[in-house]
Amino acid sequence: MHGIGAHEVIVESPDHERGLADQPLEQMTAIVSVWKSRINDLMRDTRFKYVLLFKNHGPSAGATLEHPHTQIIAMPVTPRAISIELEASRAHHQLKERCSSAT
């Protein structure tokens, strides 16, 4: 495996105090549009097998930027725990012909 990956930071607002839940609708729409665009772009790169969007908020969560932000990482492998969960979901669907949350 080659050392390849991506790590992007998306700053959601210039206002240090305005969290995601406090964004006006227009700004929230723009943020989600950027998330979608970046994830789609990363997924087009066939070297990446796994893309994850996540949000840290505050120092206790490991955030080092004062601005509200989201991070996206892309890796050439799917984490083992995710692979196991995906395989279990596929097996369940094949057996039951429905997802596990369906009644």
PDB file of N, CA and C in Angstrom:
ATOM      1  N   MET A   1       0.850  -1.172   0.000  1.00  0.00           N
ATOM      2  CA  MET A   1       0.000   0.000   0.000  1.00  0.00           C
ATOM      3  C   MET A   1       0.894   1.233   0.000  1.00  0.00           C
ATOM      4  N   HIS A   2       0.549   2.183  -0.831  1.00  0.00           N
ATOM      5  CA  HIS A   2       1.291   3.432  -0.913  1.00  0.00           C
ATOM      6  C   HIS A   2       0.750   4.418   0.124  1.00  0.00           C
ATOM      7  N   GLY A   3       1.594   5.313   0.580  1.00  0.00           N
ATOM      8  CA  GLY A   3       1.188   6.334   1.540  1.00  0.00           C
ATOM      9  C   GLY A   3       0.366   7.408   0.864  1.00  0.00           C
ATOM     10  N   ILE A   4      -0.914   7.174   0.743  1.00  0.00           N
ATOM     11  CA  ILE A   4      -1.804   8.125   0.077  1.00  0.00           C
ATOM     12  C   ILE A   4      -3.002   8.388   0.976  1.00  0.00           C
ATOM     13  N   GLY A   5      -3.511   9.578   0.946  1.00  0.00           N
ATOM     14  CA  GLY A   5      -4.696   9.917   1.723  1.00  0.00           C
ATOM     15  C   GLY A   5      -4.983  11.392   1.563  1.00  0.00           C
ATOM     16  N   ALA A   6      -6.055  11.818   2.177  1.00  0.00           N
ATOM     17  CA  ALA A   6      -6.428  13.229   2.141  1.00  0.00           C
ATOM     18  C   ALA A   6      -6.995  13.606   3.496  1.00  0.00           C
ATOM     19  N   HIS A   7      -6.747  14.829   3.896  1.00  0.00           N
ATOM     20  CA  HIS A   7      -7.308  15.372   5.120  1.00  0.00           C
ATOM     21  C   HIS A   7      -7.627  16.825   4.832  1.00  0.00           C
ATOM     22  N   GLU A   8      -8.911  17.152   4.886  1.00  0.00           N
ATOM     23  CA  GLU A   8      -9.353  18.503   4.565  1.00  0.00           C
ATOM     24  C   GLU A   8     -10.109  19.085   5.746  1.00  0.00           C
ATOM     25  N   VAL A   9      -9.960  20.385   5.929  1.00  0.00           N
ATOM     26  CA  VAL A   9     -10.676  21.112   6.982  1.00  0.00           C
ATOM     27  C   VAL A   9     -11.576  22.134   6.290  1.00  0.00           C
ATOM     28  N   ILE A  10     -12.849  22.120   6.654  1.00  0.00           N
ATOM     29  CA  ILE A  10     -13.818  23.055   6.087  1.00  0.00           C
ATOM     30  C   ILE A  10     -14.245  24.008   7.198  1.00  0.00           C
ATOM     31  N   VAL A  11     -13.854  25.261   7.080  1.00  0.00           N
ATOM     32  CA  VAL A  11     -14.246  26.273   8.061  1.00  0.00           C
ATOM     33  C   VAL A  11     -15.675  26.699   7.730  1.00  0.00           C
ATOM     34  N   GLU A  12     -16.550  26.590   8.726  1.00  0.00           N
ATOM     35  CA  GLU A  12     -17.983  26.811   8.497  1.00  0.00           C
ATOM     36  C   GLU A  12     -18.423  28.255   8.675  1.00  0.00           C
ATOM     37  N   SER A  13     -17.635  29.045   9.390  1.00  0.00           N
ATOM     38  CA  SER A  13     -18.022  30.429   9.646  1.00  0.00           C
ATOM     39  C   SER A  13     -16.817  31.222  10.120  1.00  0.00           C
ATOM     40  N   PRO A  14     -16.745  32.503   9.767  1.00  0.00           N
ATOM     41  CA  PRO A  14     -15.683  33.338  10.316  1.00  0.00           C
ATOM     42  C   PRO A  14     -15.961  33.714  11.773  1.00  0.00           C
ATOM     43  N   ASP A  15     -17.177  33.490  12.226  1.00  0.00           N
ATOM     44  CA  ASP A  15     -17.592  33.815  13.592  1.00  0.00           C
ATOM     45  C   ASP A  15     -17.207  32.665  14.530  1.00  0.00           C
ATOM     46  N   HIS A  16     -16.289  32.916  15.436  1.00  0.00           N
ATOM     47  CA  HIS A  16     -15.799  31.878  16.350  1.00  0.00           C
ATOM     48  C   HIS A  16     -16.899  31.330  17.254  1.00  0.00           C
ATOM     49  N   GLU A  17     -17.910  32.109  17.517  1.00  0.00           N
ATOM     50  CA  GLU A  17     -18.958  31.725  18.470  1.00  0.00           C
ATOM     51  C   GLU A  17     -20.152  31.033  17.821  1.00  0.00           C
ATOM     52  N   ARG A  18     -20.233  31.048  16.512  1.00  0.00           N
ATOM     53  CA  ARG A  18     -21.416  30.516  15.826  1.00  0.00           C
ATOM     54  C   ARG A  18     -21.196  29.059  15.459  1.00  0.00           C
ATOM     55  N   GLY A  19     -21.832  28.162  16.208  1.00  0.00           N
ATOM     56  CA  GLY A  19     -21.735  26.738  15.940  1.00  0.00           C
ATOM     57  C   GLY A  19     -22.611  26.327  14.773  1.00  0.00           C
ATOM     58  N   LEU A  20     -22.517  25.087  14.404  1.00  0.00           N
ATOM     59  CA  LEU A  20     -23.273  24.570  13.263  1.00  0.00           C
ATOM     60  C   LEU A  20     -24.779  24.754  13.444  1.00  0.00           C
ATOM     61  N   ALA A  21     -25.278  24.478  14.637  1.00  0.00           N
ATOM     62  CA  ALA A  21     -26.716  24.589  14.896  1.00  0.00           C
ATOM     63  C   ALA A  21     -27.214  26.032  14.847  1.00  0.00           C
ATOM     64  N   ASP A  22     -26.292  26.992  14.947  1.00  0.00           N
ATOM     65  CA  ASP A  22     -26.675  28.407  14.960  1.00  0.00           C
ATOM     66  C   ASP A  22     -26.511  29.093  13.611  1.00  0.00           C
ATOM     67  N   GLN A  23     -26.133  28.350  12.602  1.00  0.00           N
ATOM     68  CA  GLN A  23     -25.932  28.937  11.278  1.00  0.00           C
ATOM     69  C   GLN A  23     -27.283  29.300  10.652  1.00  0.00           C
ATOM     70  N   PRO A  24     -27.350  30.415   9.936  1.00  0.00           N
ATOM     71  CA  PRO A  24     -28.571  30.717   9.184  1.00  0.00           C
ATOM     72  C   PRO A  24     -28.748  29.681   8.065  1.00  0.00           C
ATOM     73  N   LEU A  25     -29.965  29.517   7.611  1.00  0.00           N
ATOM     74  CA  LEU A  25     -30.284  28.503   6.609  1.00  0.00           C
ATOM     75  C   LEU A  25     -29.397  28.614   5.373  1.00  0.00           C
ATOM     76  N   GLU A  26     -29.159  29.816   4.892  1.00  0.00           N
ATOM     77  CA  GLU A  26     -28.346  29.998   3.692  1.00  0.00           C
ATOM     78  C   GLU A  26     -26.917  29.493   3.917  1.00  0.00           C
ATOM     79  N   GLN A  27     -26.359  29.774   5.092  1.00  0.00           N
ATOM     80  CA  GLN A  27     -25.002  29.324   5.391  1.00  0.00           C
ATOM     81  C   GLN A  27     -24.968  27.808   5.563  1.00  0.00           C
ATOM     82  N   MET A  28     -25.993  27.255   6.214  1.00  0.00           N
ATOM     83  CA  MET A  28     -26.054  25.804   6.400  1.00  0.00           C
ATOM     84  C   MET A  28     -26.151  25.100   5.050  1.00  0.00           C
ATOM     85  N   THR A  29     -26.940  25.660   4.147  1.00  0.00           N
ATOM     86  CA  THR A  29     -27.055  25.110   2.794  1.00  0.00           C
ATOM     87  C   THR A  29     -25.696  25.136   2.090  1.00  0.00           C
ATOM     88  N   ALA A  30     -24.965  26.218   2.245  1.00  0.00           N
ATOM     89  CA  ALA A  30     -23.638  26.330   1.627  1.00  0.00           C
ATOM     90  C   ALA A  30     -22.674  25.314   2.232  1.00  0.00           C
ATOM     91  N   ILE A  31     -22.724  25.132   3.545  1.00  0.00           N
ATOM     92  CA  ILE A  31     -21.834  24.180   4.220  1.00  0.00           C
ATOM     93  C   ILE A  31     -22.093  22.763   3.715  1.00  0.00           C
ATOM     94  N   VAL A  32     -23.354  22.364   3.686  1.00  0.00           N
ATOM     95  CA  VAL A  32     -23.697  21.009   3.230  1.00  0.00           C
ATOM     96  C   VAL A  32     -23.317  20.826   1.768  1.00  0.00           C
ATOM     97  N   SER A  33     -23.466  21.866   0.971  1.00  0.00           N
ATOM     98  CA  SER A  33     -23.069  21.798  -0.439  1.00  0.00           C
ATOM     99  C   SER A  33     -21.558  21.560  -0.564  1.00  0.00           C
ATOM    100  N   VAL A  34     -20.770  22.214   0.275  1.00  0.00           N
ATOM    101  CA  VAL A  34     -19.319  22.006   0.251  1.00  0.00           C
ATOM    102  C   VAL A  34     -18.995  20.584   0.693  1.00  0.00           C
ATOM    103  N   TRP A  35     -19.648  20.104   1.759  1.00  0.00           N
ATOM    104  CA  TRP A  35     -19.428  18.714   2.196  1.00  0.00           C
ATOM    105  C   TRP A  35     -19.654  17.757   1.039  1.00  0.00           C
ATOM    106  N   LYS A  36     -20.804  17.912   0.392  1.00  0.00           N
ATOM    107  CA  LYS A  36     -21.176  17.020  -0.712  1.00  0.00           C
ATOM    108  C   LYS A  36     -20.162  17.098  -1.848  1.00  0.00           C
ATOM    109  N   SER A  37     -19.783  18.298  -2.217  1.00  0.00           N
ATOM    110  CA  SER A  37     -18.832  18.486  -3.310  1.00  0.00           C
ATOM    111  C   SER A  37     -17.483  17.843  -2.995  1.00  0.00           C
ATOM    112  N   ARG A  38     -16.982  18.060  -1.784  1.00  0.00           N
ATOM    113  CA  ARG A  38     -15.680  17.509  -1.416  1.00  0.00           C
ATOM    114  C   ARG A  38     -15.717  15.988  -1.318  1.00  0.00           C
ATOM    115  N   ILE A  39     -16.784  15.440  -0.734  1.00  0.00           N
ATOM    116  CA  ILE A  39     -16.894  13.979  -0.634  1.00  0.00           C
ATOM    117  C   ILE A  39     -16.985  13.370  -2.030  1.00  0.00           C
ATOM    118  N   ASN A  40     -17.812  13.939  -2.893  1.00  0.00           N
ATOM    119  CA  ASN A  40     -17.933  13.418  -4.264  1.00  0.00           C
ATOM    120  C   ASN A  40     -16.596  13.477  -4.991  1.00  0.00           C
ATOM    121  N   ASP A  41     -15.866  14.568  -4.829  1.00  0.00           N
ATOM    122  CA  ASP A  41     -14.565  14.694  -5.487  1.00  0.00           C
ATOM    123  C   ASP A  41     -13.589  13.639  -4.960  1.00  0.00           C
ATOM    124  N   LEU A  42     -13.534  13.447  -3.663  1.00  0.00           N
ATOM    125  CA  LEU A  42     -12.626  12.451  -3.090  1.00  0.00           C
ATOM    126  C   LEU A  42     -13.011  11.034  -3.515  1.00  0.00           C
ATOM    127  N   MET A  43     -14.303  10.759  -3.628  1.00  0.00           N
ATOM    128  CA  MET A  43     -14.759   9.420  -4.008  1.00  0.00           C
ATOM    129  C   MET A  43     -14.449   9.099  -5.470  1.00  0.00           C
ATOM    130  N   ARG A  44     -14.240  10.122  -6.287  1.00  0.00           N
ATOM    131  CA  ARG A  44     -13.864   9.895  -7.693  1.00  0.00           C
ATOM    132  C   ARG A  44     -12.430   9.389  -7.819  1.00  0.00           C
ATOM    133  N   ASP A  45     -11.631   9.609  -6.792  1.00  0.00           N
ATOM    134  CA  ASP A  45     -10.246   9.137  -6.807  1.00  0.00           C
ATOM    135  C   ASP A  45     -10.247   7.654  -6.440  1.00  0.00           C
ATOM    136  N   THR A  46      -9.952   6.804  -7.392  1.00  0.00           N
ATOM    137  CA  THR A  46     -10.054   5.354  -7.189  1.00  0.00           C
ATOM    138  C   THR A  46      -9.052   4.817  -6.176  1.00  0.00           C
ATOM    139  N   ARG A  47      -8.093   5.618  -5.794  1.00  0.00           N
ATOM    140  CA  ARG A  47      -7.146   5.177  -4.762  1.00  0.00           C
ATOM    141  C   ARG A  47      -7.792   5.152  -3.375  1.00  0.00           C
ATOM    142  N   PHE A  48      -8.860   5.913  -3.200  1.00  0.00           N
ATOM    143  CA  PHE A  48      -9.514   5.993  -1.892  1.00  0.00           C
ATOM    144  C   PHE A  48     -10.636   4.975  -1.793  1.00  0.00           C
ATOM    145  N   LYS A  49     -10.653   4.239  -0.716  1.00  0.00           N
ATOM    146  CA  LYS A  49     -11.690   3.233  -0.462  1.00  0.00           C
ATOM    147  C   LYS A  49     -12.649   3.667   0.644  1.00  0.00           C
ATOM    148  N   TYR A  50     -12.265   4.689   1.400  1.00  0.00           N
ATOM    149  CA  TYR A  50     -13.061   5.104   2.557  1.00  0.00           C
ATOM    150  C   TYR A  50     -12.944   6.615   2.725  1.00  0.00           C
ATOM    151  N   VAL A  51     -14.091   7.280   2.854  1.00  0.00           N
ATOM    152  CA  VAL A  51     -14.136   8.721   3.081  1.00  0.00           C
ATOM    153  C   VAL A  51     -15.013   8.962   4.303  1.00  0.00           C
ATOM    154  N   LEU A  52     -14.523   9.776   5.226  1.00  0.00           N
ATOM    155  CA  LEU A  52     -15.241  10.054   6.468  1.00  0.00           C
ATOM    156  C   LEU A  52     -15.298  11.552   6.717  1.00  0.00           C
ATOM    157  N   LEU A  53     -16.490  12.053   6.990  1.00  0.00           N
ATOM    158  CA  LEU A  53     -16.697  13.435   7.393  1.00  0.00           C
ATOM    159  C   LEU A  53     -16.959  13.412   8.890  1.00  0.00           C
ATOM    160  N   PHE A  54     -16.274  14.265   9.640  1.00  0.00           N
ATOM    161  CA  PHE A  54     -16.514  14.313  11.079  1.00  0.00           C
ATOM    162  C   PHE A  54     -16.329  15.721  11.604  1.00  0.00           C
ATOM    163  N   LYS A  55     -16.841  15.936  12.810  1.00  0.00           N
ATOM    164  CA  LYS A  55     -16.803  17.250  13.425  1.00  0.00           C
ATOM    165  C   LYS A  55     -16.296  17.137  14.852  1.00  0.00           C
ATOM    166  N   ASN A  56     -15.275  17.890  15.161  1.00  0.00           N
ATOM    167  CA  ASN A  56     -14.819  18.061  16.537  1.00  0.00           C
ATOM    168  C   ASN A  56     -15.315  19.425  16.995  1.00  0.00           C
ATOM    169  N   HIS A  57     -15.734  19.510  18.240  1.00  0.00           N
ATOM    170  CA  HIS A  57     -16.181  20.799  18.750  1.00  0.00           C
ATOM    171  C   HIS A  57     -15.533  21.040  20.103  1.00  0.00           C
ATOM    172  N   GLY A  58     -14.681  22.019  20.143  1.00  0.00           N
ATOM    173  CA  GLY A  58     -14.035  22.389  21.390  1.00  0.00           C
ATOM    174  C   GLY A  58     -12.797  21.576  21.700  1.00  0.00           C
ATOM    175  N   PRO A  59     -11.984  22.098  22.604  1.00  0.00           N
ATOM    176  CA  PRO A  59     -10.719  21.443  22.962  1.00  0.00           C
ATOM    177  C   PRO A  59     -10.898  20.041  23.547  1.00  0.00           C
ATOM    178  N   SER A  60     -11.969  19.809  24.280  1.00  0.00           N
ATOM    179  CA  SER A  60     -12.165  18.487  24.887  1.00  0.00           C
ATOM    180  C   SER A  60     -12.388  17.405  23.838  1.00  0.00           C
ATOM    181  N   ALA A  61     -12.830  17.795  22.650  1.00  0.00           N
ATOM    182  CA  ALA A  61     -13.031  16.836  21.558  1.00  0.00           C
ATOM    183  C   ALA A  61     -11.807  16.755  20.647  1.00  0.00           C
ATOM    184  N   GLY A  62     -10.793  17.530  20.955  1.00  0.00           N
ATOM    185  CA  GLY A  62      -9.572  17.493  20.153  1.00  0.00           C
ATOM    186  C   GLY A  62      -9.486  18.585  19.109  1.00  0.00           C
ATOM    187  N   ALA A  63     -10.463  19.489  19.074  1.00  0.00           N
ATOM    188  CA  ALA A  63     -10.423  20.569  18.086  1.00  0.00           C
ATOM    189  C   ALA A  63      -9.304  21.542  18.431  1.00  0.00           C
ATOM    190  N   THR A  64      -8.530  21.917  17.423  1.00  0.00           N
ATOM    191  CA  THR A  64      -7.436  22.860  17.635  1.00  0.00           C
ATOM    192  C   THR A  64      -7.693  24.199  16.950  1.00  0.00           C
ATOM    193  N   LEU A  65      -8.724  24.283  16.125  1.00  0.00           N
ATOM    194  CA  LEU A  65      -9.095  25.539  15.473  1.00  0.00           C
ATOM    195  C   LEU A  65     -10.207  26.215  16.266  1.00  0.00           C
ATOM    196  N   GLU A  66     -10.140  27.533  16.366  1.00  0.00           N
ATOM    197  CA  GLU A  66     -11.200  28.264  17.064  1.00  0.00           C
ATOM    198  C   GLU A  66     -12.459  28.373  16.212  1.00  0.00           C
ATOM    199  N   HIS A  67     -12.289  28.470  14.910  1.00  0.00           N
ATOM    200  CA  HIS A  67     -13.456  28.588  14.027  1.00  0.00           C
ATOM    201  C   HIS A  67     -14.232  27.276  14.009  1.00  0.00           C
ATOM    202  N   PRO A  68     -15.567  27.344  13.915  1.00  0.00           N
ATOM    203  CA  PRO A  68     -16.325  26.105  13.745  1.00  0.00           C
ATOM    204  C   PRO A  68     -15.914  25.457  12.421  1.00  0.00           C
ATOM    205  N   HIS A  69     -15.657  24.165  12.474  1.00  0.00           N
ATOM    206  CA  HIS A  69     -15.143  23.492  11.277  1.00  0.00           C
ATOM    207  C   HIS A  69     -15.513  22.012  11.267  1.00  0.00           C
ATOM    208  N   THR A  70     -15.430  21.448  10.081  1.00  0.00           N
ATOM    209  CA  THR A  70     -15.652  20.031   9.850  1.00  0.00           C
ATOM    210  C   THR A  70     -14.393  19.503   9.175  1.00  0.00           C
ATOM    211  N   GLN A  71     -14.125  18.222   9.353  1.00  0.00           N
ATOM    212  CA  GLN A  71     -12.974  17.618   8.699  1.00  0.00           C
ATOM    213  C   GLN A  71     -13.427  16.433   7.843  1.00  0.00           C
ATOM    214  N   ILE A  72     -12.715  16.218   6.769  1.00  0.00           N
ATOM    215  CA  ILE A  72     -12.952  15.073   5.898  1.00  0.00           C
ATOM    216  C   ILE A  72     -11.623  14.361   5.708  1.00  0.00           C
ATOM    217  N   ILE A  73     -11.645  13.047   5.883  1.00  0.00           N
ATOM    218  CA  ILE A  73     -10.456  12.256   5.599  1.00  0.00           C
ATOM    219  C   ILE A  73     -10.800  11.209   4.547  1.00  0.00           C
ATOM    220  N   ALA A  74      -9.821  10.874   3.735  1.00  0.00           N
ATOM    221  CA  ALA A  74      -9.970   9.822   2.727  1.00  0.00           C
ATOM    222  C   ALA A  74      -8.763   8.910   2.844  1.00  0.00           C
ATOM    223  N   MET A  75      -9.024   7.595   2.820  1.00  0.00           N
ATOM    224  CA  MET A  75      -7.951   6.620   3.008  1.00  0.00           C
ATOM    225  C   MET A  75      -8.022   5.532   1.940  1.00  0.00           C
ATOM    226  N   PRO A  76      -6.891   4.871   1.679  1.00  0.00           N
ATOM    227  CA  PRO A  76      -6.871   3.820   0.667  1.00  0.00           C
ATOM    228  C   PRO A  76      -7.415   2.487   1.181  1.00  0.00           C
ATOM    229  N   VAL A  77      -7.773   2.421   2.437  1.00  0.00           N
ATOM    230  CA  VAL A  77      -8.319   1.190   3.020  1.00  0.00           C
ATOM    231  C   VAL A  77      -9.556   1.536   3.840  1.00  0.00           C
ATOM    232  N   THR A  78     -10.450   0.576   3.979  1.00  0.00           N
ATOM    233  CA  THR A  78     -11.603   0.714   4.855  1.00  0.00           C
ATOM    234  C   THR A  78     -11.201   0.190   6.227  1.00  0.00           C
ATOM    235  N   PRO A  79     -11.449   0.958   7.291  1.00  0.00           N
ATOM    236  CA  PRO A  79     -11.097   0.471   8.628  1.00  0.00           C
ATOM    237  C   PRO A  79     -11.747  -0.885   8.916  1.00  0.00           C
ATOM    238  N   ARG A  80     -11.028  -1.726   9.645  1.00  0.00           N
ATOM    239  CA  ARG A  80     -11.477  -3.094   9.914  1.00  0.00           C
ATOM    240  C   ARG A  80     -12.874  -3.135  10.547  1.00  0.00           C
ATOM    241  N   ALA A  81     -13.118  -2.302  11.535  1.00  0.00           N
ATOM    242  CA  ALA A  81     -14.426  -2.304  12.209  1.00  0.00           C
ATOM    243  C   ALA A  81     -15.550  -1.982  11.229  1.00  0.00           C
ATOM    244  N   ILE A  82     -15.306  -1.062  10.312  1.00  0.00           N
ATOM    245  CA  ILE A  82     -16.307  -0.699   9.301  1.00  0.00           C
ATOM    246  C   ILE A  82     -16.502  -1.860   8.327  1.00  0.00           C
ATOM    247  N   SER A  83     -15.422  -2.495   7.915  1.00  0.00           N
ATOM    248  CA  SER A  83     -15.526  -3.648   7.009  1.00  0.00           C
ATOM    249  C   SER A  83     -16.349  -4.767   7.626  1.00  0.00           C
ATOM    250  N   ILE A  84     -16.133  -5.043   8.902  1.00  0.00           N
ATOM    251  CA  ILE A  84     -16.887  -6.093   9.597  1.00  0.00           C
ATOM    252  C   ILE A  84     -18.368  -5.737   9.649  1.00  0.00           C
ATOM    253  N   GLU A  85     -18.670  -4.494   9.979  1.00  0.00           N
ATOM    254  CA  GLU A  85     -20.070  -4.060  10.048  1.00  0.00           C
ATOM    255  C   GLU A  85     -20.741  -4.128   8.673  1.00  0.00           C
ATOM    256  N   LEU A  86     -20.032  -3.711   7.624  1.00  0.00           N
ATOM    257  CA  LEU A  86     -20.587  -3.781   6.273  1.00  0.00           C
ATOM    258  C   LEU A  86     -20.867  -5.225   5.854  1.00  0.00           C
ATOM    259  N   GLU A  87     -19.925  -6.117   6.141  1.00  0.00           N
ATOM    260  CA  GLU A  87     -20.112  -7.522   5.780  1.00  0.00           C
ATOM    261  C   GLU A  87     -21.285  -8.131   6.546  1.00  0.00           C
ATOM    262  N   ALA A  88     -21.429  -7.808   7.821  1.00  0.00           N
ATOM    263  CA  ALA A  88     -22.555  -8.312   8.607  1.00  0.00           C
ATOM    264  C   ALA A  88     -23.884  -7.784   8.047  1.00  0.00           C
ATOM    265  N   SER A  89     -23.900  -6.536   7.625  1.00  0.00           N
ATOM    266  CA  SER A  89     -25.111  -5.957   7.032  1.00  0.00           C
ATOM    267  C   SER A  89     -25.454  -6.639   5.711  1.00  0.00           C
ATOM    268  N   ARG A  90     -24.430  -6.881   4.885  1.00  0.00           N
ATOM    269  CA  ARG A  90     -24.668  -7.578   3.605  1.00  0.00           C
ATOM    270  C   ARG A  90     -25.224  -8.983   3.845  1.00  0.00           C
ATOM    271  N   ALA A  91     -24.628  -9.694   4.782  1.00  0.00           N
ATOM    272  CA  ALA A  91     -25.068 -11.065   5.081  1.00  0.00           C
ATOM    273  C   ALA A  91     -26.500 -11.064   5.597  1.00  0.00           C
ATOM    274  N   HIS A  92     -26.815 -10.131   6.467  1.00  0.00           N
ATOM    275  CA  HIS A  92     -28.184 -10.049   6.996  1.00  0.00           C
ATOM    276  C   HIS A  92     -29.174  -9.761   5.874  1.00  0.00           C
ATOM    277  N   HIS A  93     -28.826  -8.803   5.010  1.00  0.00           N
ATOM    278  CA  HIS A  93     -29.728  -8.450   3.913  1.00  0.00           C
ATOM    279  C   HIS A  93     -29.922  -9.625   2.963  1.00  0.00           C
ATOM    280  N   GLN A  94     -28.860 -10.347   2.691  1.00  0.00           N
ATOM    281  CA  GLN A  94     -28.962 -11.507   1.808  1.00  0.00           C
ATOM    282  C   GLN A  94     -29.850 -12.581   2.427  1.00  0.00           C
ATOM    283  N   LEU A  95     -29.717 -12.790   3.719  1.00  0.00           N
ATOM    284  CA  LEU A  95     -30.508 -13.802   4.418  1.00  0.00           C
ATOM    285  C   LEU A  95     -31.972 -13.407   4.569  1.00  0.00           C
ATOM    286  N   LYS A  96     -32.211 -12.163   4.977  1.00  0.00           N
ATOM    287  CA  LYS A  96     -33.568 -11.695   5.313  1.00  0.00           C
ATOM    288  C   LYS A  96     -34.241 -10.922   4.183  1.00  0.00           C
ATOM    289  N   GLU A  97     -33.469 -10.548   3.151  1.00  0.00           N
ATOM    290  CA  GLU A  97     -33.961  -9.759   2.031  1.00  0.00           C
ATOM    291  C   GLU A  97     -34.536  -8.408   2.477  1.00  0.00           C
ATOM    292  N   ARG A  98     -33.938  -7.865   3.522  1.00  0.00           N
ATOM    293  CA  ARG A  98     -34.313  -6.544   4.012  1.00  0.00           C
ATOM    294  C   ARG A  98     -33.209  -6.071   4.955  1.00  0.00           C
ATOM    295  N   CYS A  99     -33.217  -4.775   5.250  1.00  0.00           N
ATOM    296  CA  CYS A  99     -32.220  -4.269   6.194  1.00  0.00           C
ATOM    297  C   CYS A  99     -32.646  -4.634   7.619  1.00  0.00           C
ATOM    298  N   SER A 100     -31.728  -4.554   8.544  1.00  0.00           N
ATOM    299  CA  SER A 100     -32.012  -5.007   9.911  1.00  0.00           C
ATOM    300  C   SER A 100     -33.003  -4.123  10.641  1.00  0.00           C
ATOM    301  N   SER A 101     -33.195  -2.873  10.208  1.00  0.00           N
ATOM    302  CA  SER A 101     -34.127  -1.989  10.901  1.00  0.00           C
ATOM    303  C   SER A 101     -35.568  -2.128  10.382  1.00  0.00           C
ATOM    304  N   ALA A 102     -35.754  -2.831   9.283  1.00  0.00           N
ATOM    305  CA  ALA A 102     -37.118  -3.017   8.733  1.00  0.00           C
ATOM    306  C   ALA A 102     -37.894  -3.990   9.598  1.00  0.00           C
ATOM    307  N   THR A 103     -39.187  -3.760   9.684  1.00  0.00           N
ATOM    308  CA  THR A 103     -40.038  -4.667  10.475  1.00  0.00           C
ATOM    309  C   THR A 103     -40.944  -5.476   9.598  1.00  0.00           C
TER     310      THR A 103
END
